[in-house]
Amino acid sequence: MAGGKAKKGKGGAASDAPKQSTLSKEVKSTTVVGANILKDGTDPKILPDSEYPEWLWHLLDKKPALSELRRKNIETLPYEDLKRFVKLDNRSRIKENNSTRAKN
């Protein structure tokens, strides 16, 4: 066993270089690479913005927190904010009730 070759650890000079992508820039800019979940399917094409539903563009909009909603006048809140307030307020009351019951 003595005098054998030294084992290489993880990594090495060859693996330090970033791997080159085999996809062309044209393919990357026209398809959603990696979105295909079907065995025999293909990646979907990127469509123009007008082809997507309006709600999609608002998914990442910041929504107000419960504390912020409590400071506002409930009667003047838009429907979506009022619905969010009721949901968050109920959730908060349930958590509070559960924690007080657990202490007893």
N, C-alpha and C. Protein backbone atom coordinates (compact mmCIF):
# COMPACT_ATOMS: atom_id res chain seq x y z
N MET A 1 0.81 -1.18 0.00
CA MET A 1 0.00 0.00 0.00
C MET A 1 0.86 1.24 0.00
N ALA A 2 1.98 1.18 0.53
CA ALA A 2 2.84 2.36 0.52
C ALA A 2 3.34 2.60 -0.89
N GLY A 3 3.50 3.86 -1.24
CA GLY A 3 4.02 4.20 -2.56
C GLY A 3 2.95 4.26 -3.62
N GLY A 4 1.70 4.17 -3.25
CA GLY A 4 0.61 4.24 -4.23
C GLY A 4 0.34 5.68 -4.65
N LYS A 5 -0.52 5.81 -5.61
CA LYS A 5 -0.85 7.15 -6.08
C LYS A 5 -1.75 7.85 -5.05
N ALA A 6 -1.58 9.14 -4.95
CA ALA A 6 -2.41 9.93 -4.03
C ALA A 6 -3.79 10.11 -4.65
N LYS A 7 -4.80 9.98 -3.82
CA LYS A 7 -6.16 10.16 -4.32
C LYS A 7 -6.44 11.65 -4.47
N LYS A 8 -7.17 11.97 -5.53
CA LYS A 8 -7.56 13.35 -5.72
C LYS A 8 -8.79 13.63 -4.86
N GLY A 9 -8.83 14.81 -4.28
CA GLY A 9 -9.99 15.23 -3.50
C GLY A 9 -11.08 15.73 -4.42
N LYS A 10 -12.11 16.22 -3.82
CA LYS A 10 -13.20 16.79 -4.61
C LYS A 10 -12.68 18.03 -5.33
N GLY A 11 -13.16 18.24 -6.52
CA GLY A 11 -12.72 19.40 -7.28
C GLY A 11 -11.37 19.13 -7.90
N GLY A 12 -10.85 20.05 -8.56
CA GLY A 12 -9.56 19.92 -9.20
C GLY A 12 -9.44 20.98 -10.25
N ALA A 13 -8.34 21.02 -10.90
CA ALA A 13 -8.10 22.06 -11.89
C ALA A 13 -9.09 21.98 -13.04
N ALA A 14 -9.44 20.79 -13.46
CA ALA A 14 -10.34 20.63 -14.60
C ALA A 14 -11.76 21.04 -14.26
N SER A 15 -12.20 20.81 -13.02
CA SER A 15 -13.58 21.11 -12.67
C SER A 15 -13.77 22.55 -12.19
N ASP A 16 -12.70 23.30 -12.02
CA ASP A 16 -12.82 24.68 -11.57
C ASP A 16 -13.35 25.60 -12.67
N ALA A 17 -13.11 25.26 -13.92
CA ALA A 17 -13.57 26.10 -15.03
C ALA A 17 -15.08 25.96 -15.20
N PRO A 18 -15.78 27.07 -15.47
CA PRO A 18 -17.23 26.95 -15.68
C PRO A 18 -17.54 26.16 -16.94
N LYS A 19 -18.62 25.39 -16.86
CA LYS A 19 -19.00 24.57 -18.00
C LYS A 19 -19.65 25.44 -19.07
N GLN A 20 -19.32 25.19 -20.30
CA GLN A 20 -19.90 25.93 -21.41
C GLN A 20 -21.27 25.35 -21.74
N SER A 21 -22.21 26.22 -22.00
CA SER A 21 -23.55 25.78 -22.34
C SER A 21 -23.57 25.30 -23.79
N THR A 22 -24.31 24.25 -24.04
CA THR A 22 -24.40 23.72 -25.40
C THR A 22 -25.55 24.37 -26.17
N LEU A 23 -26.34 25.21 -25.51
CA LEU A 23 -27.46 25.88 -26.16
C LEU A 23 -26.99 27.21 -26.76
N SER A 24 -27.50 27.53 -27.91
CA SER A 24 -27.15 28.80 -28.54
C SER A 24 -27.89 29.94 -27.86
N LYS A 25 -27.42 31.16 -28.06
CA LYS A 25 -28.07 32.32 -27.47
C LYS A 25 -29.47 32.50 -28.05
N GLU A 26 -29.66 32.13 -29.30
CA GLU A 26 -30.97 32.26 -29.93
C GLU A 26 -31.99 31.35 -29.25
N VAL A 27 -31.59 30.13 -28.94
CA VAL A 27 -32.49 29.18 -28.27
C VAL A 27 -32.79 29.67 -26.86
N LYS A 28 -31.81 30.20 -26.16
CA LYS A 28 -32.01 30.68 -24.79
C LYS A 28 -32.97 31.86 -24.74
N SER A 29 -32.97 32.68 -25.78
CA SER A 29 -33.82 33.87 -25.75
C SER A 29 -35.21 33.62 -26.31
N THR A 30 -35.47 32.47 -26.90
CA THR A 30 -36.80 32.20 -27.47
C THR A 30 -37.55 31.08 -26.77
N THR A 31 -36.90 30.33 -25.88
CA THR A 31 -37.57 29.23 -25.18
C THR A 31 -37.31 29.32 -23.68
N VAL A 32 -38.19 28.71 -22.91
CA VAL A 32 -38.02 28.63 -21.46
C VAL A 32 -37.26 27.33 -21.20
N VAL A 33 -35.95 27.44 -21.11
CA VAL A 33 -35.10 26.26 -20.99
C VAL A 33 -35.31 25.61 -19.62
N GLY A 34 -35.59 24.32 -19.62
CA GLY A 34 -35.77 23.55 -18.39
C GLY A 34 -37.19 23.51 -17.86
N ALA A 35 -38.15 24.10 -18.57
CA ALA A 35 -39.53 24.13 -18.10
C ALA A 35 -40.32 22.89 -18.52
N ASN A 36 -39.76 22.09 -19.40
CA ASN A 36 -40.45 20.89 -19.86
C ASN A 36 -40.43 19.83 -18.77
N ILE A 37 -41.60 19.27 -18.45
CA ILE A 37 -41.66 18.22 -17.43
C ILE A 37 -42.04 16.87 -18.05
N LEU A 38 -42.32 16.87 -19.33
CA LEU A 38 -42.73 15.64 -19.99
C LEU A 38 -41.52 14.94 -20.61
N LYS A 39 -41.53 13.64 -20.61
CA LYS A 39 -40.42 12.87 -21.12
C LYS A 39 -40.17 13.13 -22.60
N ASP A 40 -41.23 13.17 -23.39
CA ASP A 40 -41.09 13.35 -24.83
C ASP A 40 -41.42 14.77 -25.29
N GLY A 41 -41.64 15.69 -24.37
CA GLY A 41 -42.05 17.05 -24.72
C GLY A 41 -40.86 17.94 -25.05
N THR A 42 -41.17 19.18 -25.38
CA THR A 42 -40.13 20.18 -25.65
C THR A 42 -40.38 21.38 -24.75
N ASP A 43 -39.35 22.19 -24.59
CA ASP A 43 -39.48 23.40 -23.79
C ASP A 43 -40.42 24.37 -24.48
N PRO A 44 -41.27 25.07 -23.71
CA PRO A 44 -42.22 26.00 -24.32
C PRO A 44 -41.53 27.25 -24.86
N LYS A 45 -42.11 27.82 -25.89
CA LYS A 45 -41.58 29.05 -26.49
C LYS A 45 -42.01 30.25 -25.65
N ILE A 46 -41.17 31.29 -25.63
CA ILE A 46 -41.51 32.52 -24.96
C ILE A 46 -42.42 33.32 -25.89
N LEU A 47 -43.58 33.73 -25.37
CA LEU A 47 -44.56 34.47 -26.15
C LEU A 47 -44.40 35.97 -25.89
N PRO A 48 -44.99 36.81 -26.73
CA PRO A 48 -44.99 38.25 -26.45
C PRO A 48 -45.81 38.53 -25.18
N ASP A 49 -45.51 39.64 -24.52
CA ASP A 49 -46.18 39.98 -23.26
C ASP A 49 -47.69 40.05 -23.41
N SER A 50 -48.18 40.44 -24.57
CA SER A 50 -49.62 40.57 -24.76
C SER A 50 -50.34 39.22 -24.76
N GLU A 51 -49.61 38.13 -24.92
CA GLU A 51 -50.21 36.79 -24.94
C GLU A 51 -50.45 36.22 -23.54
N TYR A 52 -49.91 36.86 -22.50
CA TYR A 52 -50.05 36.36 -21.14
C TYR A 52 -51.18 37.11 -20.43
N PRO A 53 -51.85 36.47 -19.45
CA PRO A 53 -52.96 37.15 -18.74
C PRO A 53 -52.45 38.31 -17.88
N GLU A 54 -53.30 39.27 -17.65
CA GLU A 54 -52.92 40.49 -16.93
C GLU A 54 -52.50 40.18 -15.48
N TRP A 55 -53.16 39.22 -14.82
CA TRP A 55 -52.86 38.93 -13.43
C TRP A 55 -51.44 38.42 -13.23
N LEU A 56 -50.85 37.87 -14.27
CA LEU A 56 -49.50 37.32 -14.17
C LEU A 56 -48.48 38.39 -13.81
N TRP A 57 -48.69 39.60 -14.30
CA TRP A 57 -47.73 40.69 -14.08
C TRP A 57 -47.82 41.27 -12.68
N HIS A 58 -48.82 40.87 -11.89
CA HIS A 58 -49.00 41.41 -10.54
C HIS A 58 -48.69 40.38 -9.46
N LEU A 59 -48.19 39.22 -9.82
CA LEU A 59 -47.93 38.17 -8.82
C LEU A 59 -46.87 38.56 -7.81
N LEU A 60 -45.88 39.32 -8.23
CA LEU A 60 -44.78 39.67 -7.34
C LEU A 60 -44.94 41.04 -6.69
N ASP A 61 -46.11 41.67 -6.86
CA ASP A 61 -46.36 42.95 -6.21
C ASP A 61 -46.38 42.76 -4.70
N LYS A 62 -45.84 43.73 -3.98
CA LYS A 62 -45.79 43.68 -2.52
C LYS A 62 -47.19 43.89 -1.96
N LYS A 63 -47.63 43.01 -1.07
CA LYS A 63 -48.95 43.12 -0.46
C LYS A 63 -48.79 43.67 0.96
N PRO A 64 -49.76 44.47 1.43
CA PRO A 64 -49.62 45.08 2.75
C PRO A 64 -49.71 44.04 3.88
N ALA A 65 -48.94 44.29 4.93
CA ALA A 65 -48.93 43.41 6.10
C ALA A 65 -50.15 43.71 6.97
N LEU A 66 -50.44 42.83 7.90
CA LEU A 66 -51.60 42.98 8.78
C LEU A 66 -51.48 44.26 9.59
N SER A 67 -50.32 44.57 10.11
CA SER A 67 -50.14 45.78 10.91
C SER A 67 -50.43 47.03 10.09
N GLU A 68 -50.04 47.02 8.84
CA GLU A 68 -50.30 48.16 7.96
C GLU A 68 -51.80 48.28 7.66
N LEU A 69 -52.45 47.15 7.47
CA LEU A 69 -53.89 47.16 7.20
C LEU A 69 -54.69 47.61 8.42
N ARG A 70 -54.22 47.28 9.62
CA ARG A 70 -54.93 47.68 10.85
C ARG A 70 -54.88 49.19 11.05
N ARG A 71 -53.82 49.84 10.57
CA ARG A 71 -53.70 51.29 10.72
C ARG A 71 -54.64 52.05 9.79
N LYS A 72 -55.07 51.42 8.72
CA LYS A 72 -55.94 52.09 7.75
C LYS A 72 -57.40 51.98 8.16
N ASN A 73 -58.22 52.87 7.61
CA ASN A 73 -59.66 52.83 7.86
C ASN A 73 -60.25 51.66 7.06
N ILE A 74 -60.88 50.74 7.76
CA ILE A 74 -61.41 49.53 7.12
C ILE A 74 -62.48 49.85 6.09
N GLU A 75 -63.25 50.89 6.33
CA GLU A 75 -64.35 51.24 5.44
C GLU A 75 -63.88 51.77 4.09
N THR A 76 -62.65 52.24 4.02
CA THR A 76 -62.15 52.80 2.76
C THR A 76 -61.20 51.86 2.03
N LEU A 77 -61.00 50.68 2.57
CA LEU A 77 -60.08 49.73 1.93
C LEU A 77 -60.69 49.17 0.64
N PRO A 78 -59.87 48.97 -0.38
CA PRO A 78 -60.37 48.27 -1.57
C PRO A 78 -60.73 46.82 -1.21
N TYR A 79 -61.54 46.20 -2.05
CA TYR A 79 -62.03 44.85 -1.76
C TYR A 79 -60.90 43.86 -1.52
N GLU A 80 -59.89 43.87 -2.37
CA GLU A 80 -58.78 42.91 -2.23
C GLU A 80 -58.04 43.09 -0.91
N ASP A 81 -57.81 44.36 -0.50
CA ASP A 81 -57.14 44.61 0.78
C ASP A 81 -58.03 44.22 1.96
N LEU A 82 -59.34 44.46 1.82
CA LEU A 82 -60.26 44.08 2.88
C LEU A 82 -60.30 42.56 3.05
N LYS A 83 -60.33 41.86 1.94
CA LYS A 83 -60.32 40.39 1.98
C LYS A 83 -59.03 39.89 2.64
N ARG A 84 -57.90 40.51 2.30
CA ARG A 84 -56.62 40.13 2.89
C ARG A 84 -56.61 40.44 4.39
N PHE A 85 -57.18 41.58 4.78
CA PHE A 85 -57.24 41.95 6.19
C PHE A 85 -58.03 40.92 7.00
N VAL A 86 -59.19 40.52 6.50
CA VAL A 86 -60.02 39.55 7.21
C VAL A 86 -59.27 38.22 7.34
N LYS A 87 -58.63 37.79 6.29
CA LYS A 87 -57.91 36.52 6.33
C LYS A 87 -56.75 36.57 7.33
N LEU A 88 -55.96 37.63 7.28
CA LEU A 88 -54.81 37.74 8.19
C LEU A 88 -55.24 37.96 9.63
N ASP A 89 -56.31 38.72 9.83
CA ASP A 89 -56.81 38.96 11.18
C ASP A 89 -57.34 37.67 11.79
N ASN A 90 -58.09 36.89 11.02
CA ASN A 90 -58.58 35.59 11.52
C ASN A 90 -57.43 34.66 11.86
N ARG A 91 -56.44 34.62 10.99
CA ARG A 91 -55.28 33.77 11.24
C ARG A 91 -54.57 34.19 12.53
N SER A 92 -54.44 35.49 12.73
CA SER A 92 -53.77 36.01 13.93
C SER A 92 -54.55 35.64 15.20
N ARG A 93 -55.88 35.81 15.15
CA ARG A 93 -56.71 35.47 16.32
C ARG A 93 -56.66 33.98 16.63
N ILE A 94 -56.65 33.14 15.61
CA ILE A 94 -56.57 31.69 15.81
C ILE A 94 -55.25 31.32 16.46
N LYS A 95 -54.17 31.91 15.98
CA LYS A 95 -52.86 31.62 16.58
C LYS A 95 -52.80 32.07 18.04
N GLU A 96 -53.36 33.23 18.31
CA GLU A 96 -53.38 33.75 19.69
C GLU A 96 -54.19 32.84 20.60
N ASN A 97 -55.37 32.41 20.13
CA ASN A 97 -56.21 31.49 20.93
C ASN A 97 -55.51 30.16 21.15
N ASN A 98 -54.85 29.65 20.13
CA ASN A 98 -54.14 28.38 20.29
C ASN A 98 -53.00 28.50 21.29
N SER A 99 -52.30 29.61 21.28
CA SER A 99 -51.17 29.76 22.20
C SER A 99 -51.65 29.92 23.64
N THR A 100 -52.78 30.62 23.87
CA THR A 100 -53.28 30.76 25.24
C THR A 100 -53.83 29.43 25.76
N ARG A 101 -54.45 28.64 24.89
CA ARG A 101 -54.97 27.33 25.31
C ARG A 101 -53.83 26.36 25.59
N ALA A 102 -52.75 26.47 24.87
CA ALA A 102 -51.63 25.57 25.07
C ALA A 102 -50.92 25.83 26.38
N LYS A 103 -50.97 27.07 26.87
CA LYS A 103 -50.31 27.42 28.13
C LYS A 103 -51.07 26.89 29.33
N ASN A 104 -52.38 26.72 29.20
CA ASN A 104 -53.21 26.26 30.33
C ASN A 104 -53.12 24.79 30.52
